């Protein structure tokens, strides 16, 4: 009977990742928390640091600080982890591009659509890879585990669909908030920022935890584990 060959992700966790499993999470959450609190305390920041008023209102101040925190996070990732994880790197590039457009044009639509663009991109890449018989999930997440071929296909399909779900959810939330809170634009901004941090992250964590049974069922030993 022919056994199914494991799909190798060609991704090996660095020593820093093995010894500090919470470090990557902290580096990814840090900029989001800066974004949330900067938006919440925007008026105070503008009064305390008048130079920030050059950026615009609270959401634009938060966007500027979010961009700075993202750059710092990527630099720390490179120094401490020894590399730049694919997902934070791509997300960071989009943050810088769309954040700059938002501040330059004083149009918050760009930064609000950033999650939509990023999630659609990752969803399309994962599902497109499956269409061509490739599982790219290990590269997207810098996976530290090995699965058999069926496991990678199932997990990639789930994450691809989930990313597209997050893209649609972001559009529904920010556009819906703009209508619901109209004409109070600040209230709509506050709701979207809060949901981005305290809504999207818990949903993602719960979804990740829900994949553990599949990962355990399809886990295989890597060559290094057998030595």
N, C-alpha and C. Protein backbone atom coordinates (compact mmCIF):
# COMPACT_ATOMS: atom_id res chain seq x y z
N UNK A 1 0.85 -1.20 0.00
CA UNK A 1 0.00 0.00 0.00
C UNK A 1 0.88 1.25 0.00
N UNK A 2 0.60 2.13 -0.87
CA UNK A 2 1.42 3.35 -1.00
C UNK A 2 1.02 4.37 0.05
N UNK A 3 2.01 4.83 0.80
CA UNK A 3 1.73 5.83 1.83
C UNK A 3 1.83 7.21 1.25
N UNK A 4 1.05 8.13 1.83
CA UNK A 4 1.03 9.50 1.32
C UNK A 4 2.24 10.25 1.83
N UNK A 5 2.94 10.86 0.95
CA UNK A 5 4.17 11.57 1.29
C UNK A 5 3.86 12.90 1.95
N UNK A 6 4.54 13.21 3.09
CA UNK A 6 4.32 14.50 3.75
C UNK A 6 4.71 15.65 2.84
N UNK A 7 4.03 16.74 3.01
CA UNK A 7 4.37 17.96 2.27
C UNK A 7 5.33 18.77 3.12
N UNK A 8 6.52 18.99 2.62
CA UNK A 8 7.53 19.75 3.35
C UNK A 8 7.32 21.23 3.11
N UNK A 9 7.25 21.99 4.19
CA UNK A 9 7.06 23.43 4.06
C UNK A 9 8.38 24.16 3.83
N UNK A 10 9.52 23.44 3.99
CA UNK A 10 10.83 24.08 3.83
C UNK A 10 11.00 25.25 4.79
N UNK A 11 10.36 25.15 5.94
CA UNK A 11 10.44 26.23 6.92
C UNK A 11 10.95 25.64 8.22
N UNK A 12 12.03 26.17 8.72
CA UNK A 12 12.60 25.71 9.98
C UNK A 12 12.57 26.82 11.00
N UNK A 13 11.93 26.60 12.19
CA UNK A 13 11.87 27.65 13.19
C UNK A 13 13.24 27.98 13.72
N UNK A 14 13.50 29.24 13.94
CA UNK A 14 14.78 29.68 14.47
C UNK A 14 14.85 29.40 15.96
N UNK A 15 16.07 29.38 16.57
CA UNK A 15 16.17 29.19 18.01
C UNK A 15 15.35 30.19 18.80
N UNK A 16 15.33 31.44 18.35
CA UNK A 16 14.55 32.46 19.07
C UNK A 16 13.08 32.10 19.08
N UNK A 17 12.57 31.58 17.97
CA UNK A 17 11.16 31.20 17.90
C UNK A 17 10.87 30.00 18.79
N UNK A 18 11.83 29.08 18.89
CA UNK A 18 11.62 27.91 19.73
C UNK A 18 11.62 28.27 21.20
N UNK A 19 12.48 29.18 21.61
CA UNK A 19 12.60 29.52 23.02
C UNK A 19 11.67 30.64 23.45
N UNK A 20 11.17 31.43 22.52
CA UNK A 20 10.27 32.54 22.85
C UNK A 20 9.02 32.45 21.98
N UNK A 21 8.15 31.46 22.26
CA UNK A 21 6.96 31.27 21.40
C UNK A 21 6.01 32.45 21.40
N UNK A 22 6.06 33.27 22.48
CA UNK A 22 5.16 34.42 22.55
C UNK A 22 5.72 35.67 21.91
N UNK A 23 6.99 35.61 21.48
CA UNK A 23 7.64 36.80 20.94
C UNK A 23 6.99 37.25 19.64
N UNK A 24 6.74 36.31 18.73
CA UNK A 24 6.13 36.66 17.45
C UNK A 24 4.75 37.27 17.65
N UNK A 25 3.98 36.69 18.58
CA UNK A 25 2.65 37.21 18.86
C UNK A 25 2.73 38.63 19.39
N UNK A 26 3.68 38.88 20.31
CA UNK A 26 3.83 40.22 20.87
C UNK A 26 4.22 41.24 19.80
N UNK A 27 5.09 40.84 18.89
CA UNK A 27 5.52 41.74 17.82
C UNK A 27 4.39 42.06 16.86
N UNK A 28 3.47 41.11 16.67
CA UNK A 28 2.34 41.34 15.77
C UNK A 28 1.23 42.13 16.45
N UNK A 29 1.04 41.89 17.76
CA UNK A 29 -0.02 42.59 18.50
C UNK A 29 0.38 44.00 18.88
N UNK A 30 1.68 44.23 19.10
CA UNK A 30 2.15 45.54 19.55
C UNK A 30 1.66 46.70 18.70
N UNK A 31 1.90 46.69 17.39
CA UNK A 31 1.43 47.80 16.55
C UNK A 31 -0.08 47.99 16.60
N UNK A 32 -0.85 46.90 16.69
CA UNK A 32 -2.31 47.02 16.77
C UNK A 32 -2.74 47.72 18.05
N UNK A 33 -2.08 47.40 19.16
CA UNK A 33 -2.40 48.05 20.43
C UNK A 33 -2.03 49.53 20.38
N UNK A 34 -0.90 49.84 19.76
CA UNK A 34 -0.52 51.24 19.58
C UNK A 34 -1.59 51.97 18.78
N UNK A 35 -2.07 51.35 17.72
CA UNK A 35 -3.11 51.92 16.87
C UNK A 35 -4.38 52.20 17.67
N UNK A 36 -4.79 51.24 18.49
CA UNK A 36 -6.01 51.37 19.28
C UNK A 36 -5.90 52.50 20.30
N UNK A 37 -4.85 52.47 21.10
CA UNK A 37 -4.71 53.47 22.17
C UNK A 37 -4.41 54.86 21.61
N UNK A 38 -3.68 54.94 20.49
CA UNK A 38 -3.41 56.24 19.88
C UNK A 38 -4.70 56.86 19.36
N UNK A 39 -5.57 56.04 18.79
CA UNK A 39 -6.86 56.56 18.32
C UNK A 39 -7.74 56.99 19.49
N UNK A 40 -7.71 56.19 20.55
CA UNK A 40 -8.53 56.49 21.73
C UNK A 40 -8.05 57.76 22.43
N UNK A 41 -6.74 57.96 22.45
CA UNK A 41 -6.16 59.12 23.15
C UNK A 41 -5.67 60.17 22.16
N UNK A 42 -6.24 60.18 20.96
CA UNK A 42 -5.82 61.12 19.93
C UNK A 42 -5.80 62.57 20.35
N UNK A 43 -6.90 63.09 20.95
CA UNK A 43 -6.91 64.49 21.37
C UNK A 43 -5.81 64.81 22.38
N UNK A 44 -5.58 63.89 23.33
CA UNK A 44 -4.53 64.11 24.34
C UNK A 44 -3.16 64.12 23.67
N UNK A 45 -2.93 63.20 22.73
CA UNK A 45 -1.65 63.17 22.03
C UNK A 45 -1.42 64.45 21.24
N UNK A 46 -2.48 64.95 20.59
CA UNK A 46 -2.36 66.18 19.81
C UNK A 46 -2.04 67.37 20.69
N UNK A 47 -2.62 67.38 21.89
CA UNK A 47 -2.37 68.49 22.82
C UNK A 47 -0.99 68.40 23.44
N UNK A 48 -0.56 67.18 23.75
CA UNK A 48 0.74 66.97 24.39
C UNK A 48 1.89 67.09 23.39
N UNK A 49 1.66 66.61 22.19
CA UNK A 49 2.68 66.67 21.13
C UNK A 49 2.08 67.38 19.92
N UNK A 50 2.07 68.71 19.93
CA UNK A 50 1.41 69.49 18.87
C UNK A 50 1.87 69.13 17.46
N UNK A 51 3.10 68.64 17.31
CA UNK A 51 3.59 68.30 15.98
C UNK A 51 2.73 67.22 15.33
N UNK A 52 2.07 66.40 16.15
CA UNK A 52 1.24 65.32 15.61
C UNK A 52 0.00 65.84 14.89
N UNK A 53 -0.38 67.08 15.20
CA UNK A 53 -1.56 67.65 14.54
C UNK A 53 -1.33 67.81 13.04
N UNK A 54 -0.05 67.80 12.63
CA UNK A 54 0.26 67.88 11.20
C UNK A 54 -0.27 66.66 10.44
N UNK A 55 -0.48 65.57 11.19
CA UNK A 55 -0.97 64.35 10.55
C UNK A 55 -2.47 64.41 10.29
N UNK A 56 -3.19 65.19 11.10
CA UNK A 56 -4.64 65.27 10.96
C UNK A 56 -5.34 64.94 12.26
N UNK A 57 -6.55 64.38 12.18
CA UNK A 57 -7.34 64.03 13.35
C UNK A 57 -6.84 62.78 14.04
N UNK A 58 -7.57 62.31 15.08
CA UNK A 58 -7.14 61.16 15.88
C UNK A 58 -6.81 59.91 15.06
N UNK A 59 -7.65 59.58 14.08
CA UNK A 59 -7.38 58.36 13.30
C UNK A 59 -6.11 58.50 12.48
N UNK A 60 -5.81 59.69 12.00
CA UNK A 60 -4.60 59.89 11.20
C UNK A 60 -3.36 59.88 12.10
N UNK A 61 -3.51 60.42 13.32
CA UNK A 61 -2.41 60.33 14.29
C UNK A 61 -2.15 58.87 14.63
N UNK A 62 -3.23 58.12 14.88
CA UNK A 62 -3.09 56.70 15.18
C UNK A 62 -2.45 55.95 14.02
N UNK A 63 -2.81 56.33 12.80
CA UNK A 63 -2.24 55.69 11.61
C UNK A 63 -0.74 55.94 11.51
N UNK A 64 -0.32 57.18 11.77
CA UNK A 64 1.10 57.50 11.74
C UNK A 64 1.89 56.71 12.77
N UNK A 65 1.35 56.62 13.98
CA UNK A 65 2.03 55.86 15.04
C UNK A 65 1.99 54.37 14.75
N UNK A 66 0.91 53.92 14.15
CA UNK A 66 0.78 52.51 13.74
C UNK A 66 1.87 52.16 12.74
N UNK A 67 2.11 53.05 11.79
CA UNK A 67 3.16 52.83 10.80
C UNK A 67 4.53 52.75 11.47
N UNK A 68 4.79 53.67 12.40
CA UNK A 68 6.07 53.68 13.10
C UNK A 68 6.25 52.40 13.91
N UNK A 69 5.19 51.99 14.62
CA UNK A 69 5.26 50.77 15.43
C UNK A 69 5.46 49.54 14.55
N UNK A 70 4.86 49.55 13.37
CA UNK A 70 5.02 48.43 12.45
C UNK A 70 6.47 48.30 11.98
N UNK A 71 7.08 49.43 11.65
CA UNK A 71 8.49 49.42 11.23
C UNK A 71 9.37 48.90 12.36
N UNK A 72 9.13 49.39 13.58
CA UNK A 72 9.91 48.93 14.74
C UNK A 72 9.74 47.43 14.93
N UNK A 73 8.51 46.95 14.81
CA UNK A 73 8.24 45.52 14.97
C UNK A 73 8.99 44.69 13.94
N UNK A 74 9.03 45.15 12.70
CA UNK A 74 9.74 44.42 11.66
C UNK A 74 11.25 44.42 11.90
N UNK A 75 11.77 45.55 12.37
CA UNK A 75 13.21 45.64 12.66
C UNK A 75 13.57 44.69 13.80
N UNK A 76 12.75 44.68 14.85
CA UNK A 76 12.99 43.78 15.99
C UNK A 76 12.90 42.32 15.53
N UNK A 77 11.94 42.02 14.68
CA UNK A 77 11.80 40.65 14.15
C UNK A 77 13.08 40.23 13.43
N UNK A 78 13.61 41.13 12.62
CA UNK A 78 14.82 40.83 11.87
C UNK A 78 16.01 40.61 12.79
N UNK A 79 16.13 41.46 13.82
CA UNK A 79 17.27 41.38 14.73
C UNK A 79 17.17 40.18 15.66
N UNK A 80 16.01 40.00 16.28
CA UNK A 80 15.85 38.96 17.30
C UNK A 80 15.58 37.59 16.69
N UNK A 81 14.66 37.53 15.72
CA UNK A 81 14.30 36.25 15.12
C UNK A 81 15.24 35.85 13.99
N UNK A 82 15.98 36.84 13.46
CA UNK A 82 16.93 36.53 12.40
C UNK A 82 16.35 36.56 11.00
N UNK A 83 15.04 36.87 10.88
CA UNK A 83 14.42 36.93 9.57
C UNK A 83 13.12 37.71 9.68
N UNK A 84 12.51 38.01 8.55
CA UNK A 84 11.22 38.69 8.53
C UNK A 84 10.14 37.69 8.12
N UNK A 85 9.22 37.33 9.03
CA UNK A 85 8.13 36.43 8.68
C UNK A 85 7.33 37.00 7.51
N UNK A 86 6.88 36.12 6.62
CA UNK A 86 6.22 36.55 5.39
C UNK A 86 4.97 37.38 5.67
N UNK A 87 4.09 36.86 6.52
CA UNK A 87 2.81 37.54 6.72
C UNK A 87 2.97 38.93 7.33
N UNK A 88 3.72 39.10 8.45
CA UNK A 88 3.91 40.45 8.98
C UNK A 88 4.63 41.37 8.01
N UNK A 89 5.55 40.83 7.21
CA UNK A 89 6.29 41.66 6.26
C UNK A 89 5.36 42.21 5.18
N UNK A 90 4.56 41.33 4.58
CA UNK A 90 3.63 41.78 3.54
C UNK A 90 2.60 42.74 4.12
N UNK A 91 2.07 42.39 5.30
CA UNK A 91 1.10 43.26 5.96
C UNK A 91 1.72 44.62 6.26
N UNK A 92 2.99 44.62 6.69
CA UNK A 92 3.67 45.87 7.00
C UNK A 92 3.84 46.76 5.78
N UNK A 93 4.15 46.16 4.64
CA UNK A 93 4.29 46.93 3.40
C UNK A 93 2.96 47.60 3.05
N UNK A 94 1.86 46.86 3.19
CA UNK A 94 0.54 47.41 2.89
C UNK A 94 0.19 48.52 3.87
N UNK A 95 0.55 48.33 5.15
CA UNK A 95 0.31 49.37 6.16
C UNK A 95 1.01 50.66 5.77
N UNK A 96 2.28 50.55 5.37
CA UNK A 96 3.05 51.74 5.02
C UNK A 96 2.49 52.43 3.78
N UNK A 97 2.10 51.66 2.78
CA UNK A 97 1.57 52.24 1.54
C UNK A 97 0.21 52.89 1.78
N UNK A 98 -0.71 52.13 2.36
CA UNK A 98 -2.06 52.64 2.55
C UNK A 98 -2.13 53.68 3.66
N UNK A 99 -1.27 53.53 4.68
CA UNK A 99 -1.22 54.54 5.73
C UNK A 99 -0.72 55.86 5.20
N UNK A 100 0.31 55.80 4.36
CA UNK A 100 0.84 57.03 3.76
C UNK A 100 -0.20 57.71 2.88
N UNK A 101 -0.94 56.92 2.11
CA UNK A 101 -1.99 57.49 1.26
C UNK A 101 -3.09 58.13 2.10
N UNK A 102 -3.44 57.48 3.21
CA UNK A 102 -4.48 58.03 4.08
C UNK A 102 -4.08 59.39 4.64
N UNK A 103 -2.84 59.48 5.13
CA UNK A 103 -2.37 60.73 5.73
C UNK A 103 -2.16 61.80 4.65
N UNK A 104 -1.56 61.43 3.56
CA UNK A 104 -1.27 62.39 2.49
C UNK A 104 -2.55 62.97 1.90
N UNK A 105 -3.52 62.11 1.64
CA UNK A 105 -4.77 62.56 1.03
C UNK A 105 -5.84 62.92 2.05
N UNK A 106 -5.52 62.71 3.35
CA UNK A 106 -6.49 62.94 4.42
C UNK A 106 -7.79 62.18 4.13
N UNK A 107 -7.62 60.94 3.75
CA UNK A 107 -8.75 60.07 3.42
C UNK A 107 -8.56 58.74 4.15
N UNK A 108 -9.38 58.50 5.18
CA UNK A 108 -9.19 57.30 5.98
C UNK A 108 -9.65 56.02 5.30
N UNK A 109 -10.22 56.13 4.12
CA UNK A 109 -10.67 54.93 3.40
C UNK A 109 -9.50 53.98 3.14
N UNK A 110 -8.33 54.53 2.87
CA UNK A 110 -7.18 53.69 2.54
C UNK A 110 -6.77 52.80 3.71
N UNK A 111 -6.63 53.38 4.90
CA UNK A 111 -6.20 52.59 6.05
C UNK A 111 -7.30 51.63 6.48
N UNK A 112 -8.55 52.01 6.26
CA UNK A 112 -9.65 51.11 6.63
C UNK A 112 -9.74 49.92 5.69
N UNK A 113 -9.29 50.09 4.46
CA UNK A 113 -9.32 48.99 3.50
C UNK A 113 -8.06 48.13 3.55
N UNK A 114 -7.09 48.55 4.35
CA UNK A 114 -5.85 47.76 4.45
C UNK A 114 -6.12 46.32 4.86
N UNK A 115 -6.92 46.03 5.91
CA UNK A 115 -7.18 44.63 6.26
C UNK A 115 -7.87 43.87 5.13
N UNK A 116 -8.74 44.56 4.40
CA UNK A 116 -9.42 43.92 3.28
C UNK A 116 -8.42 43.48 2.22
N UNK A 117 -7.49 44.38 1.88
CA UNK A 117 -6.49 44.08 0.86
C UNK A 117 -5.58 42.94 1.30
N UNK A 118 -5.08 43.01 2.53
CA UNK A 118 -4.14 42.00 3.03
C UNK A 118 -4.81 40.63 3.10
N UNK A 119 -6.01 40.57 3.69
CA UNK A 119 -6.68 39.28 3.84
C UNK A 119 -7.09 38.69 2.49
N UNK A 120 -7.53 39.55 1.58
CA UNK A 120 -7.87 39.06 0.24
C UNK A 120 -6.63 38.52 -0.46
N UNK A 121 -5.50 39.21 -0.29
CA UNK A 121 -4.24 38.77 -0.90
C UNK A 121 -3.83 37.40 -0.40
N UNK A 122 -3.83 37.22 0.94
CA UNK A 122 -3.43 35.93 1.50
C UNK A 122 -4.42 34.83 1.13
N UNK A 123 -5.71 35.15 1.18
CA UNK A 123 -6.71 34.16 0.80
C UNK A 123 -6.54 33.72 -0.64
N UNK A 124 -6.32 34.68 -1.53
CA UNK A 124 -6.15 34.37 -2.95
C UNK A 124 -4.89 33.55 -3.20
N UNK A 125 -3.80 33.90 -2.49
CA UNK A 125 -2.54 33.17 -2.65
C UNK A 125 -2.70 31.72 -2.20
N UNK A 126 -3.32 31.52 -1.04
CA UNK A 126 -3.49 30.16 -0.51
C UNK A 126 -4.40 29.32 -1.40
N UNK A 127 -5.55 29.86 -1.77
CA UNK A 127 -6.49 29.11 -2.60
C UNK A 127 -5.95 28.93 -4.02
N UNK A 128 -5.25 29.96 -4.51
CA UNK A 128 -4.63 29.84 -5.83
C UNK A 128 -3.55 28.78 -5.85
N UNK A 129 -2.77 28.71 -4.76
CA UNK A 129 -1.75 27.67 -4.66
C UNK A 129 -2.37 26.28 -4.69
N UNK A 130 -3.49 26.11 -3.97
CA UNK A 130 -4.18 24.82 -3.98
C UNK A 130 -4.63 24.45 -5.39
N UNK A 131 -5.10 25.44 -6.12
CA UNK A 131 -5.58 25.20 -7.49
C UNK A 131 -4.46 24.62 -8.36
N UNK A 132 -3.22 25.06 -8.08
CA UNK A 132 -2.08 24.57 -8.85
C UNK A 132 -1.36 23.43 -8.13
N UNK A 133 -2.01 22.87 -7.10
CA UNK A 133 -1.45 21.72 -6.41
C UNK A 133 -0.36 22.04 -5.42
N UNK A 134 -0.28 23.28 -4.95
CA UNK A 134 0.75 23.69 -4.00
C UNK A 134 0.11 24.18 -2.70
N UNK A 135 0.71 23.79 -1.57
CA UNK A 135 0.27 24.32 -0.28
C UNK A 135 1.30 25.32 0.21
N UNK A 136 0.91 26.58 0.27
CA UNK A 136 1.84 27.65 0.65
C UNK A 136 1.65 28.10 2.09
N UNK A 137 0.79 27.39 2.82
CA UNK A 137 0.45 27.82 4.18
C UNK A 137 1.67 27.86 5.09
N UNK A 138 2.54 26.87 4.98
CA UNK A 138 3.73 26.83 5.83
C UNK A 138 4.61 28.04 5.66
N UNK A 139 4.70 28.56 4.43
CA UNK A 139 5.53 29.74 4.17
C UNK A 139 4.85 31.00 4.69
N UNK A 140 3.53 31.06 4.59
CA UNK A 140 2.80 32.24 5.07
C UNK A 140 2.93 32.39 6.57
N UNK A 141 2.83 31.26 7.30
CA UNK A 141 2.86 31.32 8.76
C UNK A 141 4.19 30.92 9.36
N UNK A 142 5.19 30.62 8.53
CA UNK A 142 6.47 30.16 9.06
C UNK A 142 6.25 28.96 9.97
N UNK A 143 5.51 27.98 9.46
CA UNK A 143 5.05 26.85 10.27
C UNK A 143 6.19 26.08 10.92
N UNK A 144 5.99 25.69 12.18
CA UNK A 144 6.98 24.93 12.93
C UNK A 144 6.52 23.49 13.08
N UNK A 145 5.63 23.03 12.21
CA UNK A 145 5.14 21.66 12.29
C UNK A 145 5.06 21.07 10.88
N UNK A 146 4.95 19.75 10.83
CA UNK A 146 4.87 19.03 9.56
C UNK A 146 3.56 18.26 9.50
N UNK A 147 2.88 18.33 8.36
CA UNK A 147 1.63 17.60 8.16
C UNK A 147 1.76 16.72 6.92
N UNK A 148 0.87 15.71 6.84
CA UNK A 148 0.83 14.94 5.60
C UNK A 148 0.12 15.77 4.53
N UNK A 149 0.13 15.27 3.30
CA UNK A 149 -0.41 16.04 2.18
C UNK A 149 -1.87 16.40 2.37
N UNK A 150 -2.66 15.44 2.85
CA UNK A 150 -4.09 15.71 3.06
C UNK A 150 -4.29 16.79 4.12
N UNK A 151 -3.46 16.74 5.16
CA UNK A 151 -3.56 17.75 6.22
C UNK A 151 -3.26 19.15 5.72
N UNK A 152 -2.20 19.28 4.91
CA UNK A 152 -1.86 20.59 4.37
C UNK A 152 -2.95 21.12 3.45
N UNK A 153 -3.54 20.22 2.65
CA UNK A 153 -4.61 20.67 1.75
C UNK A 153 -5.82 21.18 2.54
N UNK A 154 -6.22 20.41 3.55
CA UNK A 154 -7.39 20.79 4.34
C UNK A 154 -7.14 22.09 5.10
N UNK A 155 -5.95 22.19 5.72
CA UNK A 155 -5.64 23.37 6.52
C UNK A 155 -5.50 24.61 5.64
N UNK A 156 -4.89 24.43 4.49
CA UNK A 156 -4.74 25.56 3.56
C UNK A 156 -6.09 26.04 3.06
N UNK A 157 -6.98 25.11 2.74
CA UNK A 157 -8.32 25.48 2.28
C UNK A 157 -9.06 26.26 3.36
N UNK A 158 -8.98 25.77 4.60
CA UNK A 158 -9.67 26.45 5.70
C UNK A 158 -9.14 27.87 5.90
N UNK A 159 -7.81 28.00 5.90
CA UNK A 159 -7.24 29.33 6.12
C UNK A 159 -7.51 30.26 4.94
N UNK A 160 -7.49 29.73 3.74
CA UNK A 160 -7.80 30.55 2.57
C UNK A 160 -9.20 31.13 2.65
N UNK A 161 -10.16 30.28 3.01
CA UNK A 161 -11.55 30.74 3.15
C UNK A 161 -11.67 31.71 4.31
N UNK A 162 -10.95 31.43 5.40
CA UNK A 162 -11.02 32.30 6.58
C UNK A 162 -10.48 33.69 6.27
N UNK A 163 -9.39 33.77 5.53
CA UNK A 163 -8.85 35.08 5.15
C UNK A 163 -9.87 35.87 4.33
N UNK A 164 -10.54 35.21 3.40
CA UNK A 164 -11.55 35.90 2.60
C UNK A 164 -12.73 36.33 3.48
N UNK A 165 -13.07 35.52 4.47
CA UNK A 165 -14.12 35.89 5.42
C UNK A 165 -13.74 37.16 6.18
N UNK A 166 -12.47 37.23 6.63
CA UNK A 166 -12.01 38.42 7.35
C UNK A 166 -12.04 39.65 6.45
N UNK A 167 -11.74 39.47 5.17
CA UNK A 167 -11.78 40.60 4.23
C UNK A 167 -13.20 41.14 4.11
N UNK A 168 -14.16 40.24 3.95
CA UNK A 168 -15.57 40.66 3.84
C UNK A 168 -16.04 41.28 5.15
N UNK A 169 -15.64 40.66 6.27
CA UNK A 169 -16.05 41.17 7.59
C UNK A 169 -15.56 42.59 7.81
N UNK A 170 -14.31 42.87 7.42
CA UNK A 170 -13.77 44.22 7.59
C UNK A 170 -14.58 45.24 6.80
N UNK A 171 -14.93 44.88 5.57
CA UNK A 171 -15.73 45.79 4.75
C UNK A 171 -17.10 46.05 5.37
N UNK A 172 -17.73 44.99 5.86
CA UNK A 172 -19.05 45.13 6.48
C UNK A 172 -18.98 46.01 7.72
N UNK A 173 -17.94 45.81 8.54
CA UNK A 173 -17.83 46.55 9.80
C UNK A 173 -17.56 48.03 9.56
N UNK A 174 -16.55 48.36 8.76
CA UNK A 174 -16.21 49.79 8.64
C UNK A 174 -17.24 50.55 7.83
N UNK A 175 -17.77 49.92 6.81
CA UNK A 175 -18.80 50.61 6.02
C UNK A 175 -20.12 50.66 6.79
N UNK A 176 -20.43 49.59 7.51
CA UNK A 176 -21.65 49.57 8.31
C UNK A 176 -21.60 50.58 9.45
N UNK A 177 -20.42 50.71 10.09
CA UNK A 177 -20.26 51.68 11.17
C UNK A 177 -20.43 53.10 10.66
N UNK A 178 -19.93 53.36 9.45
CA UNK A 178 -20.06 54.71 8.87
C UNK A 178 -21.52 55.09 8.68
N UNK A 179 -22.34 54.10 8.31
CA UNK A 179 -23.77 54.36 8.12
C UNK A 179 -24.48 54.44 9.47
N UNK A 180 -24.16 53.52 10.36
CA UNK A 180 -24.84 53.43 11.66
C UNK A 180 -24.60 54.67 12.51
N UNK A 181 -23.36 55.15 12.54
CA UNK A 181 -23.01 56.28 13.41
C UNK A 181 -23.13 57.63 12.71
N UNK A 182 -23.47 57.64 11.42
CA UNK A 182 -23.57 58.91 10.69
C UNK A 182 -24.52 59.86 11.40
N UNK A 183 -24.14 61.16 11.49
CA UNK A 183 -22.95 61.78 10.86
C UNK A 183 -21.73 61.85 11.78
N UNK A 184 -21.71 61.06 12.88
CA UNK A 184 -20.60 61.10 13.82
C UNK A 184 -19.45 60.22 13.31
N UNK A 185 -18.58 60.81 12.50
CA UNK A 185 -17.49 60.05 11.89
C UNK A 185 -16.51 59.52 12.93
N UNK A 186 -16.28 60.29 14.01
CA UNK A 186 -15.33 59.86 15.03
C UNK A 186 -15.83 58.60 15.73
N UNK A 187 -17.13 58.54 16.02
CA UNK A 187 -17.70 57.35 16.66
C UNK A 187 -17.55 56.13 15.75
N UNK A 188 -17.76 56.34 14.45
CA UNK A 188 -17.60 55.24 13.50
C UNK A 188 -16.15 54.77 13.45
N UNK A 189 -15.20 55.72 13.48
CA UNK A 189 -13.78 55.37 13.49
C UNK A 189 -13.43 54.59 14.75
N UNK A 190 -13.93 55.06 15.89
CA UNK A 190 -13.64 54.40 17.17
C UNK A 190 -14.15 52.96 17.16
N UNK A 191 -15.36 52.77 16.62
CA UNK A 191 -15.94 51.42 16.59
C UNK A 191 -15.11 50.50 15.71
N UNK A 192 -14.70 51.00 14.53
CA UNK A 192 -13.92 50.16 13.63
C UNK A 192 -12.57 49.80 14.22
N UNK A 193 -11.89 50.78 14.82
CA UNK A 193 -10.57 50.52 15.42
C UNK A 193 -10.71 49.51 16.56
N UNK A 194 -11.73 49.67 17.40
CA UNK A 194 -11.94 48.75 18.52
C UNK A 194 -12.21 47.34 18.00
N UNK A 195 -13.03 47.24 16.96
CA UNK A 195 -13.33 45.91 16.42
C UNK A 195 -12.10 45.28 15.79
N UNK A 196 -11.28 46.10 15.15
CA UNK A 196 -10.06 45.59 14.51
C UNK A 196 -9.15 44.92 15.54
N UNK A 197 -9.10 45.48 16.76
CA UNK A 197 -8.22 44.94 17.79
C UNK A 197 -8.93 43.89 18.64
N UNK A 198 -10.10 44.23 19.17
CA UNK A 198 -10.78 43.36 20.14
C UNK A 198 -11.81 42.43 19.51
N UNK A 199 -12.03 42.56 18.20
CA UNK A 199 -12.95 41.67 17.51
C UNK A 199 -12.22 40.70 16.61
N UNK A 200 -11.43 41.25 15.70
CA UNK A 200 -10.73 40.41 14.73
C UNK A 200 -9.72 39.47 15.38
N UNK A 201 -8.94 39.97 16.34
CA UNK A 201 -7.92 39.13 16.97
C UNK A 201 -8.52 37.95 17.72
N UNK A 202 -9.55 38.14 18.59
CA UNK A 202 -10.16 36.99 19.25
C UNK A 202 -10.75 35.99 18.26
N UNK A 203 -11.38 36.48 17.20
CA UNK A 203 -11.94 35.59 16.18
C UNK A 203 -10.82 34.75 15.56
N UNK A 204 -9.70 35.39 15.26
CA UNK A 204 -8.57 34.67 14.66
C UNK A 204 -7.98 33.65 15.61
N UNK A 205 -7.86 34.02 16.88
CA UNK A 205 -7.32 33.09 17.88
C UNK A 205 -8.23 31.88 18.04
N UNK A 206 -9.54 32.11 18.11
CA UNK A 206 -10.49 31.01 18.24
C UNK A 206 -10.44 30.10 17.01
N UNK A 207 -10.34 30.70 15.83
CA UNK A 207 -10.25 29.90 14.61
C UNK A 207 -8.98 29.06 14.62
N UNK A 208 -7.87 29.66 15.04
CA UNK A 208 -6.60 28.93 15.10
C UNK A 208 -6.69 27.74 16.04
N UNK A 209 -7.27 27.97 17.22
CA UNK A 209 -7.43 26.88 18.19
C UNK A 209 -8.32 25.77 17.64
N UNK A 210 -9.32 26.15 16.85
CA UNK A 210 -10.24 25.16 16.29
C UNK A 210 -9.56 24.25 15.27
N UNK A 211 -8.38 24.65 14.79
CA UNK A 211 -7.66 23.83 13.81
C UNK A 211 -6.76 22.78 14.46
N UNK A 212 -6.60 22.84 15.78
CA UNK A 212 -5.69 21.92 16.46
C UNK A 212 -6.04 20.45 16.25
N UNK A 213 -7.33 20.06 16.32
CA UNK A 213 -7.65 18.64 16.07
C UNK A 213 -7.17 18.17 14.69
N UNK A 214 -7.34 19.00 13.68
CA UNK A 214 -6.89 18.63 12.33
C UNK A 214 -5.37 18.51 12.30
N UNK A 215 -4.68 19.46 12.93
CA UNK A 215 -3.21 19.43 12.96
C UNK A 215 -2.71 18.17 13.66
N UNK A 216 -3.34 17.81 14.78
CA UNK A 216 -2.92 16.63 15.53
C UNK A 216 -3.18 15.35 14.74
N UNK A 217 -4.31 15.30 14.01
CA UNK A 217 -4.64 14.11 13.23
C UNK A 217 -3.67 13.89 12.08
N UNK A 218 -3.18 14.97 11.50
CA UNK A 218 -2.35 14.86 10.29
C UNK A 218 -0.87 15.16 10.53
N UNK A 219 -0.45 15.29 11.78
CA UNK A 219 0.95 15.59 12.07
C UNK A 219 1.84 14.40 11.73
N UNK A 220 3.02 14.70 11.23
CA UNK A 220 4.02 13.67 10.95
C UNK A 220 5.34 14.16 11.50
N UNK A 221 6.25 13.22 11.77
CA UNK A 221 7.57 13.58 12.26
C UNK A 221 8.44 14.09 11.12
N UNK A 222 9.14 15.19 11.38
CA UNK A 222 10.11 15.66 10.39
C UNK A 222 11.39 14.85 10.54
N UNK A 223 12.26 14.95 9.55
CA UNK A 223 13.51 14.20 9.59
C UNK A 223 14.35 14.57 10.80
N UNK A 224 14.35 15.85 11.18
CA UNK A 224 15.16 16.30 12.31
C UNK A 224 14.64 15.73 13.62
N UNK A 225 13.30 15.45 13.69
CA UNK A 225 12.72 14.92 14.92
C UNK A 225 13.12 13.47 15.13
N UNK A 226 13.48 12.78 14.03
CA UNK A 226 13.80 11.36 14.13
C UNK A 226 15.26 11.12 14.49
N UNK A 227 16.07 12.16 14.41
CA UNK A 227 17.51 12.02 14.70
C UNK A 227 17.74 11.94 16.20
